[in-house]
């Protein structure tokens, strides 16, 4: 992937998609359809096919598809599953039909079994039952993995799969209905501080452990893999370090400046007990994250405050992520 190459970021309206676009433009790539033109409706096969036929992207980053936290997965499993299945089917097929040189498909750490040995290795995929709170979404993402491998096996397409740790950063969806844990707790704690509320509720026991990855680092990893990785098996993107949700909550308290109480609601689900990726393969290739979780949270909260000041809205909602 060099200057002038035609590159398509499927999911350009997401936080990660916007970061990728900025990186690619700095590299001198020819991003299609361009900053001022919308991408097609990725759930519509005719629109996707027509787009690929017109723009002929040589390199494709597949980072689209609806997602959300535990609540969104419980409330909208069919919507999340269908959107991801349709989106990945149409983009991957059109990339093949119109001769894309390479595609990087971003899956999810939810694809690993609920009780997967830690740290999670790609050899453990498909080895056991999924976490029930997000199994519909995870099944759709697993289908995307298999689709990339199927096109590679049948046609020799250079379609590669990456599995990131839990991403977060500026531009995320902060709405309480759909957001992931970091933006959700930033919203809750900032709202409580602003309104004088003394207690913030957090779902679960706080004992679940998660690995987090700042959005800028994830965008850099996607570009790194486009340039340096051609493997048939998926590759993990992470640091190998994780935080308990209780420790994350206390860190967020410090960053936001909320001095009230945290109520861990044991009646709500934790999700998978532990999710830590074995990222040794990508680190051996030469990539490592540059941003600590503390630094990333501080930058994310600054973005939240800046955009809240502009919109006056505590429930800042991003586009499809």
C-alpha atoms as a PDB file:
ATOM      1  CA  UNK A   1       0.000   0.000   0.000  1.00  0.00           C
ATOM      2  CA  UNK A   2       1.746   3.134  -1.284  1.00  0.00           C
ATOM      3  CA  UNK A   3       1.055   6.766  -2.050  1.00  0.00           C
ATOM      4  CA  UNK A   4      -1.693   7.101  -4.628  1.00  0.00           C
ATOM      5  CA  UNK A   5      -3.158   3.631  -4.040  1.00  0.00           C
ATOM      6  CA  UNK A   6      -6.962   3.546  -3.911  1.00  0.00           C
ATOM      7  CA  UNK A   7      -8.112   2.627  -0.406  1.00  0.00           C
ATOM      8  CA  UNK A   8     -11.631   2.091   0.941  1.00  0.00           C
ATOM      9  CA  UNK A   9     -12.460   2.200   4.655  1.00  0.00           C
ATOM     10  CA  UNK A  10     -15.767   0.367   5.065  1.00  0.00           C
ATOM     11  CA  UNK A  11     -17.151   1.956   8.209  1.00  0.00           C
ATOM     12  CA  UNK A  12     -15.696   5.408   7.556  1.00  0.00           C
ATOM     13  CA  UNK A  13     -18.264   7.070   9.837  1.00  0.00           C
ATOM     14  CA  UNK A  14     -17.135   5.177  12.927  1.00  0.00           C
ATOM     15  CA  UNK A  15     -14.561   6.422  15.400  1.00  0.00           C
ATOM     16  CA  UNK A  16     -11.968   3.956  14.093  1.00  0.00           C
ATOM     17  CA  UNK A  17     -12.932   4.641  10.491  1.00  0.00           C
ATOM     18  CA  UNK A  18     -12.374   8.382  10.872  1.00  0.00           C
ATOM     19  CA  UNK A  19      -9.005   7.806  12.510  1.00  0.00           C
ATOM     20  CA  UNK A  20      -7.985   5.452   9.712  1.00  0.00           C
ATOM     21  CA  UNK A  21      -9.013   7.982   7.074  1.00  0.00           C
ATOM     22  CA  UNK A  22      -6.807  10.608   8.684  1.00  0.00           C
ATOM     23  CA  UNK A  23      -3.837   8.245   8.800  1.00  0.00           C
ATOM     24  CA  UNK A  24      -4.287   7.183   5.176  1.00  0.00           C
ATOM     25  CA  UNK A  25      -4.578  10.741   3.931  1.00  0.00           C
ATOM     26  CA  UNK A  26      -1.350  11.610   5.762  1.00  0.00           C
ATOM     27  CA  UNK A  27       0.298   8.690   3.945  1.00  0.00           C
ATOM     28  CA  UNK A  28      -0.816  10.097   0.602  1.00  0.00           C
ATOM     29  CA  UNK A  29      -3.243   7.301  -0.235  1.00  0.00           C
ATOM     30  CA  UNK A  30      -6.184   8.012  -2.514  1.00  0.00           C
ATOM     31  CA  UNK A  31      -9.119   7.394  -0.201  1.00  0.00           C
ATOM     32  CA  UNK A  32     -12.356   6.492  -1.980  1.00  0.00           C
ATOM     33  CA  UNK A  33     -15.052   7.733  -2.164  1.00  0.00           C
ATOM     34  CA  UNK A  34     -13.377  10.820  -0.651  1.00  0.00           C
ATOM     35  CA  UNK A  35     -13.925  12.949   2.417  1.00  0.00           C
ATOM     36  CA  UNK A  36     -16.977  14.766   1.041  1.00  0.00           C
ATOM     37  CA  UNK A  37     -18.811  11.740  -0.360  1.00  0.00           C
ATOM     38  CA  UNK A  38     -20.715   9.177   1.721  1.00  0.00           C
ATOM     39  CA  UNK A  39     -19.929   5.493   1.538  1.00  0.00           C
ATOM     40  CA  UNK A  40     -22.710   3.249   0.210  1.00  0.00           C
ATOM     41  CA  UNK A  41     -25.255   1.546   2.432  1.00  0.00           C
ATOM     42  CA  UNK A  42     -23.151  -1.515   3.224  1.00  0.00           C
ATOM     43  CA  UNK A  43     -26.242  -3.628   3.942  1.00  0.00           C
ATOM     44  CA  UNK A  44     -27.439  -3.088   0.336  1.00  0.00           C
ATOM     45  CA  UNK A  45     -25.644  -5.445  -2.098  1.00  0.00           C
ATOM     46  CA  UNK A  46     -26.497  -3.369  -5.165  1.00  0.00           C
ATOM     47  CA  UNK A  47     -25.050  -0.196  -3.674  1.00  0.00           C
ATOM     48  CA  UNK A  48     -21.885  -1.944  -2.503  1.00  0.00           C
ATOM     49  CA  UNK A  49     -21.328  -3.644  -5.847  1.00  0.00           C
ATOM     50  CA  UNK A  50     -21.889  -0.405  -7.759  1.00  0.00           C
ATOM     51  CA  UNK A  51     -19.463   1.421  -5.469  1.00  0.00           C
ATOM     52  CA  UNK A  52     -16.708  -1.139  -5.985  1.00  0.00           C
ATOM     53  CA  UNK A  53     -17.357  -1.146  -9.701  1.00  0.00           C
ATOM     54  CA  UNK A  54     -17.007   2.644  -9.888  1.00  0.00           C
ATOM     55  CA  UNK A  55     -14.073   3.220  -7.527  1.00  0.00           C
ATOM     56  CA  UNK A  56     -12.134  -0.072  -7.807  1.00  0.00           C
ATOM     57  CA  UNK A  57     -10.417   0.154  -4.408  1.00  0.00           C
ATOM     58  CA  UNK A  58      -7.156  -1.765  -4.302  1.00  0.00           C
ATOM     59  CA  UNK A  59      -7.014  -2.046  -0.512  1.00  0.00           C
ATOM     60  CA  UNK A  60     -10.006  -2.405   1.823  1.00  0.00           C
ATOM     61  CA  UNK A  61     -10.277  -1.956   5.581  1.00  0.00           C
ATOM     62  CA  UNK A  62     -13.436  -3.678   6.809  1.00  0.00           C
ATOM     63  CA  UNK A  63     -14.225  -1.960  10.150  1.00  0.00           C
ATOM     64  CA  UNK A  64     -17.993  -1.538   9.717  1.00  0.00           C
ATOM     65  CA  UNK A  65     -20.880  -3.221  11.486  1.00  0.00           C
ATOM     66  CA  UNK A  66     -23.170  -2.315  14.371  1.00  0.00           C
ATOM     67  CA  UNK A  67     -21.881  -3.014  17.857  1.00  0.00           C
ATOM     68  CA  UNK A  68     -22.666  -2.123  21.452  1.00  0.00           C
ATOM     69  CA  UNK A  69     -22.219  -3.001  25.085  1.00  0.00           C
ATOM     70  CA  UNK A  70     -23.887  -5.793  27.040  1.00  0.00           C
ATOM     71  CA  UNK A  71     -27.216  -3.967  27.206  1.00  0.00           C
ATOM     72  CA  UNK A  72     -27.367  -3.364  23.461  1.00  0.00           C
ATOM     73  CA  UNK A  73     -26.434  -6.983  22.770  1.00  0.00           C
ATOM     74  CA  UNK A  74     -29.203  -8.221  25.053  1.00  0.00           C
ATOM     75  CA  UNK A  75     -31.830  -5.852  23.666  1.00  0.00           C
ATOM     76  CA  UNK A  76     -30.970  -6.023  19.957  1.00  0.00           C
ATOM     77  CA  UNK A  77     -29.248  -9.331  19.153  1.00  0.00           C
ATOM     78  CA  UNK A  78     -31.063  -9.830  15.847  1.00  0.00           C
ATOM     79  CA  UNK A  79     -30.311  -6.297  14.635  1.00  0.00           C
ATOM     80  CA  UNK A  80     -26.642  -6.555  15.540  1.00  0.00           C
ATOM     81  CA  UNK A  81     -26.273  -9.973  13.974  1.00  0.00           C
ATOM     82  CA  UNK A  82     -28.074  -9.104  10.755  1.00  0.00           C
ATOM     83  CA  UNK A  83     -26.241  -5.819  10.225  1.00  0.00           C
ATOM     84  CA  UNK A  84     -22.840  -7.447  10.662  1.00  0.00           C
ATOM     85  CA  UNK A  85     -23.681 -10.435   8.472  1.00  0.00           C
ATOM     86  CA  UNK A  86     -25.005  -8.294   5.630  1.00  0.00           C
ATOM     87  CA  UNK A  87     -22.183  -5.773   5.828  1.00  0.00           C
ATOM     88  CA  UNK A  88     -19.346  -8.291   5.815  1.00  0.00           C
ATOM     89  CA  UNK A  89     -20.961 -10.453   3.126  1.00  0.00           C
ATOM     90  CA  UNK A  90     -21.390  -7.590   0.694  1.00  0.00           C
ATOM     91  CA  UNK A  91     -18.027  -5.900   1.261  1.00  0.00           C
ATOM     92  CA  UNK A  92     -15.973  -9.104   1.180  1.00  0.00           C
ATOM     93  CA  UNK A  93     -17.748 -10.420  -1.903  1.00  0.00           C
ATOM     94  CA  UNK A  94     -17.407  -7.123  -3.791  1.00  0.00           C
ATOM     95  CA  UNK A  95     -13.732  -6.853  -2.839  1.00  0.00           C
ATOM     96  CA  UNK A  96     -13.245 -10.238  -4.507  1.00  0.00           C
ATOM     97  CA  UNK A  97     -15.461  -9.565  -7.515  1.00  0.00           C
ATOM     98  CA  UNK A  98     -13.703  -6.292  -8.318  1.00  0.00           C
ATOM     99  CA  UNK A  99     -10.143  -7.432  -7.766  1.00  0.00           C
ATOM    100  CA  UNK A 100      -9.057  -5.799  -4.523  1.00  0.00           C
ATOM    101  CA  UNK A 101      -5.421  -6.640  -3.821  1.00  0.00           C
ATOM    102  CA  UNK A 102      -5.920  -6.997  -0.082  1.00  0.00           C
ATOM    103  CA  UNK A 103      -8.571  -6.702   2.618  1.00  0.00           C
ATOM    104  CA  UNK A 104      -8.155  -6.414   6.395  1.00  0.00           C
ATOM    105  CA  UNK A 105     -11.256  -7.573   8.275  1.00  0.00           C
ATOM    106  CA  UNK A 106     -11.629  -6.491  11.897  1.00  0.00           C
ATOM    107  CA  UNK A 107     -13.339  -9.139  14.005  1.00  0.00           C
ATOM    108  CA  UNK A 108     -13.875  -8.970  17.785  1.00  0.00           C
ATOM    109  CA  UNK A 109     -12.503 -10.519  20.958  1.00  0.00           C
ATOM    110  CA  UNK A 110     -16.109 -11.633  21.562  1.00  0.00           C
ATOM    111  CA  UNK A 111     -15.360 -14.347  19.002  1.00  0.00           C
ATOM    112  CA  UNK A 112     -13.426 -16.337  21.586  1.00  0.00           C
ATOM    113  CA  UNK A 113     -15.206 -18.917  23.768  1.00  0.00           C
ATOM    114  CA  UNK A 114     -16.522 -17.681  27.094  1.00  0.00           C
ATOM    115  CA  UNK A 115     -14.217 -19.926  29.119  1.00  0.00           C
ATOM    116  CA  UNK A 116     -11.235 -19.637  26.802  1.00  0.00           C
ATOM    117  CA  UNK A 117      -7.776 -20.249  28.315  1.00  0.00           C
ATOM    118  CA  UNK A 118      -5.932 -16.980  28.956  1.00  0.00           C
ATOM    119  CA  UNK A 119      -4.327 -15.297  27.170  1.00  0.00           C
ATOM    120  CA  UNK A 120      -6.576 -16.108  24.204  1.00  0.00           C
ATOM    121  CA  UNK A 121      -4.817 -17.563  21.168  1.00  0.00           C
ATOM    122  CA  UNK A 122      -6.268 -17.813  17.684  1.00  0.00           C
ATOM    123  CA  UNK A 123      -5.995 -21.605  17.948  1.00  0.00           C
ATOM    124  CA  UNK A 124      -8.764 -21.390  20.575  1.00  0.00           C
ATOM    125  CA  UNK A 125     -11.362 -19.909  18.194  1.00  0.00           C
ATOM    126  CA  UNK A 126     -14.403 -22.193  17.649  1.00  0.00           C
ATOM    127  CA  UNK A 127     -13.293 -24.417  20.546  1.00  0.00           C
ATOM    128  CA  UNK A 128     -16.212 -23.828  22.915  1.00  0.00           C
ATOM    129  CA  UNK A 129     -19.488 -21.994  23.638  1.00  0.00           C
ATOM    130  CA  UNK A 130     -19.587 -18.212  23.291  1.00  0.00           C
ATOM    131  CA  UNK A 131     -20.434 -15.731  26.043  1.00  0.00           C
ATOM    132  CA  UNK A 132     -24.297 -15.745  26.101  1.00  0.00           C
ATOM    133  CA  UNK A 133     -24.650 -11.966  26.501  1.00  0.00           C
ATOM    134  CA  UNK A 134     -23.235 -11.343  23.018  1.00  0.00           C
ATOM    135  CA  UNK A 135     -23.336 -14.657  21.187  1.00  0.00           C
ATOM    136  CA  UNK A 136     -25.445 -13.388  18.265  1.00  0.00           C
ATOM    137  CA  UNK A 137     -23.006 -10.567  17.505  1.00  0.00           C
ATOM    138  CA  UNK A 138     -20.019 -12.860  18.018  1.00  0.00           C
ATOM    139  CA  UNK A 139     -21.473 -15.473  15.675  1.00  0.00           C
ATOM    140  CA  UNK A 140     -21.775 -12.867  12.933  1.00  0.00           C
ATOM    141  CA  UNK A 141     -18.152 -11.797  13.443  1.00  0.00           C
ATOM    142  CA  UNK A 142     -17.047 -15.442  13.350  1.00  0.00           C
ATOM    143  CA  UNK A 143     -18.862 -15.792  10.025  1.00  0.00           C
ATOM    144  CA  UNK A 144     -16.754 -12.901   8.707  1.00  0.00           C
ATOM    145  CA  UNK A 145     -13.590 -14.722   9.745  1.00  0.00           C
ATOM    146  CA  UNK A 146     -14.675 -17.868   7.925  1.00  0.00           C
ATOM    147  CA  UNK A 147     -15.719 -15.888   4.859  1.00  0.00           C
ATOM    148  CA  UNK A 148     -12.269 -14.312   4.540  1.00  0.00           C
ATOM    149  CA  UNK A 149     -10.675 -17.734   4.901  1.00  0.00           C
ATOM    150  CA  UNK A 150     -13.084 -19.265   2.388  1.00  0.00           C
ATOM    151  CA  UNK A 151     -12.257 -16.673  -0.287  1.00  0.00           C
ATOM    152  CA  UNK A 152      -8.559 -17.220   0.397  1.00  0.00           C
ATOM    153  CA  UNK A 153      -8.959 -21.012   0.101  1.00  0.00           C
ATOM    154  CA  UNK A 154     -11.122 -20.989  -3.037  1.00  0.00           C
ATOM    155  CA  UNK A 155      -9.716 -18.015  -4.940  1.00  0.00           C
ATOM    156  CA  UNK A 156      -6.381 -17.162  -3.303  1.00  0.00           C
ATOM    157  CA  UNK A 157      -7.608 -13.730  -2.154  1.00  0.00           C
ATOM    158  CA  UNK A 158      -5.316 -11.954   0.298  1.00  0.00           C
ATOM    159  CA  UNK A 159      -8.032 -11.327   2.887  1.00  0.00           C
ATOM    160  CA  UNK A 160      -6.620 -11.205   6.430  1.00  0.00           C
ATOM    161  CA  UNK A 161      -8.351 -11.108   9.817  1.00  0.00           C
ATOM    162  CA  UNK A 162      -7.411  -9.102  12.913  1.00  0.00           C
ATOM    163  CA  UNK A 163      -8.968  -9.446  16.369  1.00  0.00           C
ATOM    164  CA  UNK A 164      -8.528  -6.350  18.555  1.00  0.00           C
ATOM    165  CA  UNK A 165      -8.777  -5.856  22.285  1.00  0.00           C
ATOM    166  CA  UNK A 166     -11.683  -3.676  23.453  1.00  0.00           C
ATOM    167  CA  UNK A 167     -11.236  -0.398  21.532  1.00  0.00           C
ATOM    168  CA  UNK A 168     -12.012   3.034  22.952  1.00  0.00           C
ATOM    169  CA  UNK A 169     -11.214   6.664  22.248  1.00  0.00           C
ATOM    170  CA  UNK A 170     -12.498  10.014  20.977  1.00  0.00           C
ATOM    171  CA  UNK A 171     -15.494   9.817  18.686  1.00  0.00           C
ATOM    172  CA  UNK A 172     -16.982   6.770  20.412  1.00  0.00           C
ATOM    173  CA  UNK A 173     -20.713   6.397  21.015  1.00  0.00           C
ATOM    174  CA  UNK A 174     -21.340   7.777  24.520  1.00  0.00           C
ATOM    175  CA  UNK A 175     -25.080   7.112  24.592  1.00  0.00           C
ATOM    176  CA  UNK A 176     -25.976   4.940  27.560  1.00  0.00           C
ATOM    177  CA  UNK A 177     -28.196   2.700  25.436  1.00  0.00           C
ATOM    178  CA  UNK A 178     -25.465   1.489  23.064  1.00  0.00           C
ATOM    179  CA  UNK A 179     -22.031   2.425  24.352  1.00  0.00           C
ATOM    180  CA  UNK A 180     -19.251   0.211  25.646  1.00  0.00           C
ATOM    181  CA  UNK A 181     -17.961   0.344  29.205  1.00  0.00           C
ATOM    182  CA  UNK A 182     -15.458   3.235  29.010  1.00  0.00           C
ATOM    183  CA  UNK A 183     -17.667   5.772  27.188  1.00  0.00           C
ATOM    184  CA  UNK A 184     -20.690   4.657  29.212  1.00  0.00           C
ATOM    185  CA  UNK A 185     -18.920   5.243  32.532  1.00  0.00           C
ATOM    186  CA  UNK A 186     -17.443   8.552  31.360  1.00  0.00           C
ATOM    187  CA  UNK A 187     -20.977   9.703  30.539  1.00  0.00           C
ATOM    188  CA  UNK A 188     -22.414   8.434  33.827  1.00  0.00           C
ATOM    189  CA  UNK A 189     -19.688   9.903  36.026  1.00  0.00           C
ATOM    190  CA  UNK A 190     -19.594  13.250  34.261  1.00  0.00           C
ATOM    191  CA  UNK A 191     -23.384  13.489  34.484  1.00  0.00           C
ATOM    192  CA  UNK A 192     -23.295  12.601  38.187  1.00  0.00           C
ATOM    193  CA  UNK A 193     -20.586  15.193  38.861  1.00  0.00           C
ATOM    194  CA  UNK A 194     -22.508  17.852  36.939  1.00  0.00           C
ATOM    195  CA  UNK A 195     -25.856  17.103  38.588  1.00  0.00           C
ATOM    196  CA  UNK A 196     -24.590  16.456  42.102  1.00  0.00           C
ATOM    197  CA  UNK A 197     -25.594  12.784  42.082  1.00  0.00           C
ATOM    198  CA  UNK A 198     -23.672  10.862  44.728  1.00  0.00           C
ATOM    199  CA  UNK A 199     -23.807   7.320  43.313  1.00  0.00           C
ATOM    200  CA  UNK A 200     -23.005   5.798  39.914  1.00  0.00           C
ATOM    201  CA  UNK A 201     -24.262   2.317  39.082  1.00  0.00           C
ATOM    202  CA  UNK A 202     -21.928  -0.120  37.333  1.00  0.00           C
ATOM    203  CA  UNK A 203     -23.197  -3.390  35.914  1.00  0.00           C
ATOM    204  CA  UNK A 204     -21.819  -6.601  37.400  1.00  0.00           C
ATOM    205  CA  UNK A 205     -19.441  -7.426  40.208  1.00  0.00           C
ATOM    206  CA  UNK A 206     -16.500  -5.406  38.933  1.00  0.00           C
ATOM    207  CA  UNK A 207     -14.329  -8.531  38.914  1.00  0.00           C
ATOM    208  CA  UNK A 208     -14.442  -9.159  35.137  1.00  0.00           C
ATOM    209  CA  UNK A 209     -11.128  -8.370  33.447  1.00  0.00           C
ATOM    210  CA  UNK A 210     -10.818  -6.621  30.112  1.00  0.00           C
ATOM    211  CA  UNK A 211      -7.982  -5.541  27.830  1.00  0.00           C
ATOM    212  CA  UNK A 212      -8.381  -2.088  26.286  1.00  0.00           C
ATOM    213  CA  UNK A 213      -6.814  -0.571  23.173  1.00  0.00           C
ATOM    214  CA  UNK A 214      -6.780   3.133  22.315  1.00  0.00           C
ATOM    215  CA  UNK A 215      -8.300   3.947  18.924  1.00  0.00           C
ATOM    216  CA  UNK A 216      -5.201   5.637  17.490  1.00  0.00           C
ATOM    217  CA  UNK A 217      -3.159   2.546  18.275  1.00  0.00           C
ATOM    218  CA  UNK A 218      -5.767   0.296  16.674  1.00  0.00           C
ATOM    219  CA  UNK A 219      -5.775   2.376  13.497  1.00  0.00           C
ATOM    220  CA  UNK A 220      -1.977   2.173  13.341  1.00  0.00           C
ATOM    221  CA  UNK A 221      -2.163  -1.607  13.857  1.00  0.00           C
ATOM    222  CA  UNK A 222      -4.648  -1.994  10.991  1.00  0.00           C
ATOM    223  CA  UNK A 223      -2.323  -0.124   8.630  1.00  0.00           C
ATOM    224  CA  UNK A 224       0.663  -2.089   9.934  1.00  0.00           C
ATOM    225  CA  UNK A 225      -1.100  -5.366   9.166  1.00  0.00           C
ATOM    226  CA  UNK A 226      -2.108  -4.176   5.718  1.00  0.00           C
ATOM    227  CA  UNK A 227       1.572  -3.594   4.998  1.00  0.00           C
ATOM    228  CA  UNK A 228       3.226  -6.455   6.873  1.00  0.00           C
ATOM    229  CA  UNK A 229       0.864  -9.404   7.427  1.00  0.00           C
ATOM    230  CA  UNK A 230      -0.483 -11.903   4.897  1.00  0.00           C
ATOM    231  CA  UNK A 231      -1.330 -14.874   7.113  1.00  0.00           C
ATOM    232  CA  UNK A 232      -4.314 -17.149   6.645  1.00  0.00           C
ATOM    233  CA  UNK A 233      -5.019 -17.356  10.377  1.00  0.00           C
ATOM    234  CA  UNK A 234      -6.335 -14.388  12.381  1.00  0.00           C
ATOM    235  CA  UNK A 235      -3.940 -12.240  14.376  1.00  0.00           C
ATOM    236  CA  UNK A 236      -4.651 -10.548  17.710  1.00  0.00           C
ATOM    237  CA  UNK A 237      -4.094  -6.834  18.358  1.00  0.00           C
ATOM    238  CA  UNK A 238      -3.455  -5.906  21.972  1.00  0.00           C
ATOM    239  CA  UNK A 239      -0.971  -5.285  24.741  1.00  0.00           C
ATOM    240  CA  UNK A 240      -1.537  -8.449  26.765  1.00  0.00           C
ATOM    241  CA  UNK A 241      -2.437  -6.387  29.872  1.00  0.00           C
ATOM    242  CA  UNK A 242      -5.911  -6.199  31.385  1.00  0.00           C
ATOM    243  CA  UNK A 243      -7.835  -4.293  34.044  1.00  0.00           C
ATOM    244  CA  UNK A 244     -10.578  -5.465  36.352  1.00  0.00           C
ATOM    245  CA  UNK A 245     -13.716  -3.401  35.738  1.00  0.00           C
ATOM    246  CA  UNK A 246     -13.551  -2.185  39.347  1.00  0.00           C
ATOM    247  CA  UNK A 247     -10.018  -0.861  38.791  1.00  0.00           C
ATOM    248  CA  UNK A 248     -11.115   0.734  35.522  1.00  0.00           C
ATOM    249  CA  UNK A 249     -13.999   2.444  37.322  1.00  0.00           C
ATOM    250  CA  UNK A 250     -11.697   3.916  39.969  1.00  0.00           C
ATOM    251  CA  UNK A 251      -9.321   5.134  37.251  1.00  0.00           C
ATOM    252  CA  UNK A 252     -12.244   6.807  35.483  1.00  0.00           C
ATOM    253  CA  UNK A 253     -13.311   8.410  38.764  1.00  0.00           C
ATOM    254  CA  UNK A 254      -9.918  10.062  39.023  1.00  0.00           C
ATOM    255  CA  UNK A 255      -9.890  11.274  35.414  1.00  0.00           C
ATOM    256  CA  UNK A 256     -13.467  12.599  35.497  1.00  0.00           C
ATOM    257  CA  UNK A 257     -13.175  13.997  39.017  1.00  0.00           C
ATOM    258  CA  UNK A 258     -16.234  12.210  40.381  1.00  0.00           C
ATOM    259  CA  UNK A 259     -15.861  11.850  44.161  1.00  0.00           C
ATOM    260  CA  UNK A 260     -19.089   9.965  44.837  1.00  0.00           C
ATOM    261  CA  UNK A 261     -19.741   6.274  45.388  1.00  0.00           C
ATOM    262  CA  UNK A 262     -19.646   3.383  42.941  1.00  0.00           C
ATOM    263  CA  UNK A 263     -22.453   0.835  43.196  1.00  0.00           C
ATOM    264  CA  UNK A 264     -21.632  -2.474  41.548  1.00  0.00           C
ATOM    265  CA  UNK A 265     -24.987  -4.054  40.687  1.00  0.00           C
ATOM    266  CA  UNK A 266     -24.426  -7.799  41.110  1.00  0.00           C
ATOM    267  CA  UNK A 267     -27.832  -8.440  39.560  1.00  0.00           C
ATOM    268  CA  UNK A 268     -26.502  -7.349  36.166  1.00  0.00           C
ATOM    269  CA  UNK A 269     -24.225  -9.556  34.042  1.00  0.00           C
ATOM    270  CA  UNK A 270     -20.433  -9.341  34.013  1.00  0.00           C
ATOM    271  CA  UNK A 271     -20.072 -10.845  30.574  1.00  0.00           C
ATOM    272  CA  UNK A 272     -17.064 -13.114  30.054  1.00  0.00           C
ATOM    273  CA  UNK A 273     -14.992 -13.372  33.255  1.00  0.00           C
ATOM    274  CA  UNK A 274     -11.634 -12.623  31.568  1.00  0.00           C
ATOM    275  CA  UNK A 275     -10.607 -11.499  28.074  1.00  0.00           C
ATOM    276  CA  UNK A 276      -6.887 -11.066  27.467  1.00  0.00           C
ATOM    277  CA  UNK A 277      -5.412 -11.537  23.995  1.00  0.00           C
ATOM    278  CA  UNK A 278      -2.161 -13.279  23.172  1.00  0.00           C
ATOM    279  CA  UNK A 279      -0.683 -10.580  20.933  1.00  0.00           C
ATOM    280  CA  UNK A 280       2.783 -12.115  20.700  1.00  0.00           C
ATOM    281  CA  UNK A 281       2.562 -12.660  16.901  1.00  0.00           C
ATOM    282  CA  UNK A 282       1.909  -8.993  16.011  1.00  0.00           C
ATOM    283  CA  UNK A 283       4.476  -7.819  18.541  1.00  0.00           C
ATOM    284  CA  UNK A 284       7.050 -10.127  16.995  1.00  0.00           C
ATOM    285  CA  UNK A 285       6.283  -8.511  13.629  1.00  0.00           C
ATOM    286  CA  UNK A 286       7.205  -5.141  15.155  1.00  0.00           C
ATOM    287  CA  UNK A 287       3.977  -3.483  16.325  1.00  0.00           C
ATOM    288  CA  UNK A 288       3.164  -2.437  19.887  1.00  0.00           C
ATOM    289  CA  UNK A 289       0.615   0.021  21.281  1.00  0.00           C
ATOM    290  CA  UNK A 290       1.985   3.452  22.180  1.00  0.00           C
ATOM    291  CA  UNK A 291      -0.795   4.754  24.432  1.00  0.00           C
ATOM    292  CA  UNK A 292      -1.469   3.648  27.989  1.00  0.00           C
ATOM    293  CA  UNK A 293      -5.040   3.153  29.143  1.00  0.00           C
ATOM    294  CA  UNK A 294      -4.679   6.164  31.480  1.00  0.00           C
ATOM    295  CA  UNK A 295      -3.459   8.402  28.651  1.00  0.00           C
ATOM    296  CA  UNK A 296      -6.202   7.175  26.347  1.00  0.00           C
ATOM    297  CA  UNK A 297      -8.939   7.741  28.920  1.00  0.00           C
ATOM    298  CA  UNK A 298      -7.702  11.279  29.589  1.00  0.00           C
ATOM    299  CA  UNK A 299      -7.762  12.072  25.853  1.00  0.00           C
ATOM    300  CA  UNK A 300     -11.189  10.489  25.479  1.00  0.00           C
ATOM    301  CA  UNK A 301     -12.621  12.517  28.357  1.00  0.00           C
ATOM    302  CA  UNK A 302     -11.197  15.742  26.901  1.00  0.00           C
ATOM    303  CA  UNK A 303     -12.940  14.927  23.623  1.00  0.00           C
ATOM    304  CA  UNK A 304     -16.175  14.220  25.474  1.00  0.00           C
ATOM    305  CA  UNK A 305     -16.030  17.567  27.295  1.00  0.00           C
ATOM    306  CA  UNK A 306     -15.211  19.496  24.124  1.00  0.00           C
ATOM    307  CA  UNK A 307     -18.116  17.968  22.242  1.00  0.00           C
ATOM    308  CA  UNK A 308     -20.512  18.275  25.175  1.00  0.00           C
ATOM    309  CA  UNK A 309     -19.697  21.973  25.303  1.00  0.00           C
ATOM    310  CA  UNK A 310     -20.586  22.300  21.631  1.00  0.00           C
ATOM    311  CA  UNK A 311     -23.745  20.180  21.654  1.00  0.00           C
ATOM    312  CA  UNK A 312     -24.889  20.588  25.253  1.00  0.00           C
ATOM    313  CA  UNK A 313     -25.699  16.881  25.176  1.00  0.00           C
ATOM    314  CA  UNK A 314     -24.438  14.339  27.718  1.00  0.00           C
ATOM    315  CA  UNK A 315     -25.481  11.460  25.455  1.00  0.00           C
ATOM    316  CA  UNK A 316     -23.098  12.094  22.594  1.00  0.00           C
ATOM    317  CA  UNK A 317     -23.780   9.425  19.990  1.00  0.00           C
ATOM    318  CA  UNK A 318     -21.424   8.486  17.199  1.00  0.00           C
ATOM    319  CA  UNK A 319     -22.372   6.950  13.882  1.00  0.00           C
ATOM    320  CA  UNK A 320     -22.438   3.193  13.356  1.00  0.00           C
ATOM    321  CA  UNK A 321     -19.454   1.586  15.031  1.00  0.00           C
END
